[in-house]
Structures are given as structure tokens and as C-alpha cells.
């Protein structure tokens, strides 16, 4: 995965008393793109994203767009479980699928 944003912050202190619970907050033109080697590359675009490396989650309450070769999904708010490769779109979710041409 390649992650790009205008700015970012890595928390310097533990949260909720957990020694290993650091947070990464990204803001402005956040783009997460899957590996170039992927047969079906994904790109996730939003304005703000919080990542918990230890909890293996990423979340936003802002507008988000997920694109791949044949899918475009939009939503307001998203929670991604990075450990299980699951994304939950929270509200105003809309998407479409265009099958690739042979």
C-alpha cells in the first residue's frame, strides 16, 4: 500500500493507558493506493483519516471514494478493518459495478 496526504501526525503518547496504542492522523487529499503488482488496484480517497496500527483499523467520518478497475463506491464515513480486509461504509453509501470488457 502507498499512502499520501498533505499532512500527517503520529501520536507521541499512549491512549487509554495502552502502551502500544499510537494513532496516525492524515489530513488533506488522503490517497491510499494498493500495490502496483495488484491485478485489480484499489484507490481510497478522503480528506481525513485516522489509522490505528495496533488495532489494525482506519476510519473517517468524511466523504470517501473507493475505486478499482470495475467498482466505484462513495460514502460518508468508513471503518476499515485492515486485519480482515473489510471496509464498512457508514452512510449515504452508493456504488456501481462495470464489468470489464473481454
Protein backbone atom coordinates (compact mmCIF):
# COMPACT_ATOMS: atom_id res chain seq x y z
CA UNK A 1 0.00 0.00 0.00
CA UNK A 2 1.08 3.55 -0.72
CA UNK A 3 -0.40 6.33 1.44
CA UNK A 4 -0.11 10.02 0.53
CA UNK A 5 -1.62 13.08 2.28
CA UNK A 6 -1.00 16.79 2.57
CA UNK A 7 -0.17 16.42 6.26
CA UNK A 8 0.02 13.79 8.97
CA UNK A 9 0.52 13.35 12.68
CA UNK A 10 1.74 10.36 14.68
CA UNK A 11 0.66 10.48 18.32
CA UNK A 12 3.59 10.56 20.69
CA UNK A 13 1.86 9.24 23.78
CA UNK A 14 -0.25 6.23 24.63
CA UNK A 15 -4.04 6.50 24.63
CA UNK A 16 -6.37 4.90 27.17
CA UNK A 17 -3.39 3.67 29.18
CA UNK A 18 -2.30 1.23 26.47
CA UNK A 19 1.43 1.47 25.90
CA UNK A 20 1.28 0.41 22.24
CA UNK A 21 -1.76 2.39 21.10
CA UNK A 22 -0.37 5.06 18.80
CA UNK A 23 -2.56 6.81 16.23
CA UNK A 24 -1.71 8.19 12.80
CA UNK A 25 -3.92 11.04 11.60
CA UNK A 26 -3.77 12.11 7.95
CA UNK A 27 -5.40 15.24 6.53
CA UNK A 28 -5.89 16.80 3.11
CA UNK A 29 -6.04 14.83 -0.14
CA UNK A 30 -5.55 11.46 1.57
CA UNK A 31 -4.97 8.76 -1.06
CA UNK A 32 -4.36 5.11 -0.30
CA UNK A 33 -3.39 3.05 -3.34
CA UNK A 34 -2.85 -0.70 -3.49
CA UNK A 35 0.39 -2.21 -4.71
CA UNK A 36 1.33 -1.77 -8.36
CA UNK A 37 1.57 -5.56 -8.62
CA UNK A 38 -2.14 -5.97 -7.90
CA UNK A 39 -4.29 -7.27 -10.78
CA UNK A 40 -7.19 -5.15 -9.51
CA UNK A 41 -5.66 -2.00 -7.98
CA UNK A 42 -7.71 -0.12 -5.38
CA UNK A 43 -7.62 3.56 -4.51
CA UNK A 44 -9.31 5.12 -1.48
CA UNK A 45 -9.67 8.91 -1.40
CA UNK A 46 -10.82 11.11 1.51
CA UNK A 47 -9.96 14.39 3.25
CA UNK A 48 -9.20 12.95 6.70
CA UNK A 49 -8.22 9.52 8.01
CA UNK A 50 -7.23 8.10 11.39
CA UNK A 51 -5.20 4.88 11.42
CA UNK A 52 -4.60 2.67 14.45
CA UNK A 53 -1.62 0.47 13.59
CA UNK A 54 -2.03 -1.70 16.71
CA UNK A 55 -5.79 -2.06 16.28
CA UNK A 56 -5.34 -2.54 12.54
CA UNK A 57 -8.16 -0.11 11.75
CA UNK A 58 -8.61 3.02 9.65
CA UNK A 59 -11.60 5.31 9.92
CA UNK A 60 -13.06 8.57 8.71
CA UNK A 61 -16.31 10.47 9.20
CA UNK A 62 -15.77 12.40 5.97
CA UNK A 63 -16.72 11.69 2.36
CA UNK A 64 -14.81 8.76 0.93
CA UNK A 65 -14.47 7.26 -2.56
CA UNK A 66 -13.20 3.74 -3.23
CA UNK A 67 -12.25 2.95 -6.83
CA UNK A 68 -10.98 -0.15 -8.56
CA UNK A 69 -10.92 -1.34 -12.13
CA UNK A 70 -14.66 -2.03 -12.22
CA UNK A 71 -16.08 -0.54 -8.99
CA UNK A 72 -16.70 2.93 -7.63
CA UNK A 73 -18.17 3.22 -4.12
CA UNK A 74 -18.92 6.50 -2.36
CA UNK A 75 -19.95 7.07 1.24
CA UNK A 76 -19.89 9.46 4.15
CA UNK A 77 -17.86 7.74 6.83
CA UNK A 78 -15.99 4.45 6.73
CA UNK A 79 -14.35 1.96 9.05
CA UNK A 80 -11.72 -0.37 7.59
CA UNK A 81 -10.59 -3.50 9.42
CA UNK A 82 -7.10 -3.90 7.97
CA UNK A 83 -6.58 -7.28 9.61
CA UNK A 84 -9.52 -8.87 7.81
CA UNK A 85 -9.52 -6.64 4.68
CA UNK A 86 -13.09 -5.46 5.40
CA UNK A 87 -14.48 -1.99 4.79
CA UNK A 88 -17.77 -0.81 6.30
CA UNK A 89 -19.32 2.25 4.65
CA UNK A 90 -21.35 4.19 7.21
CA UNK A 91 -23.94 6.41 5.48
CA UNK A 92 -25.12 7.75 2.14
CA UNK A 93 -23.41 4.80 0.51
CA UNK A 94 -23.70 4.45 -3.24
CA UNK A 95 -21.79 2.34 -5.70
CA UNK A 96 -21.73 0.80 -9.11
CA UNK A 97 -20.02 -2.04 -10.89
CA UNK A 98 -18.98 -2.04 -14.53
CA UNK A 99 -17.84 -5.48 -15.70
CA UNK A 100 -14.57 -5.40 -17.62
CA UNK A 101 -14.87 -5.98 -21.34
CA UNK A 102 -13.31 -9.21 -22.59
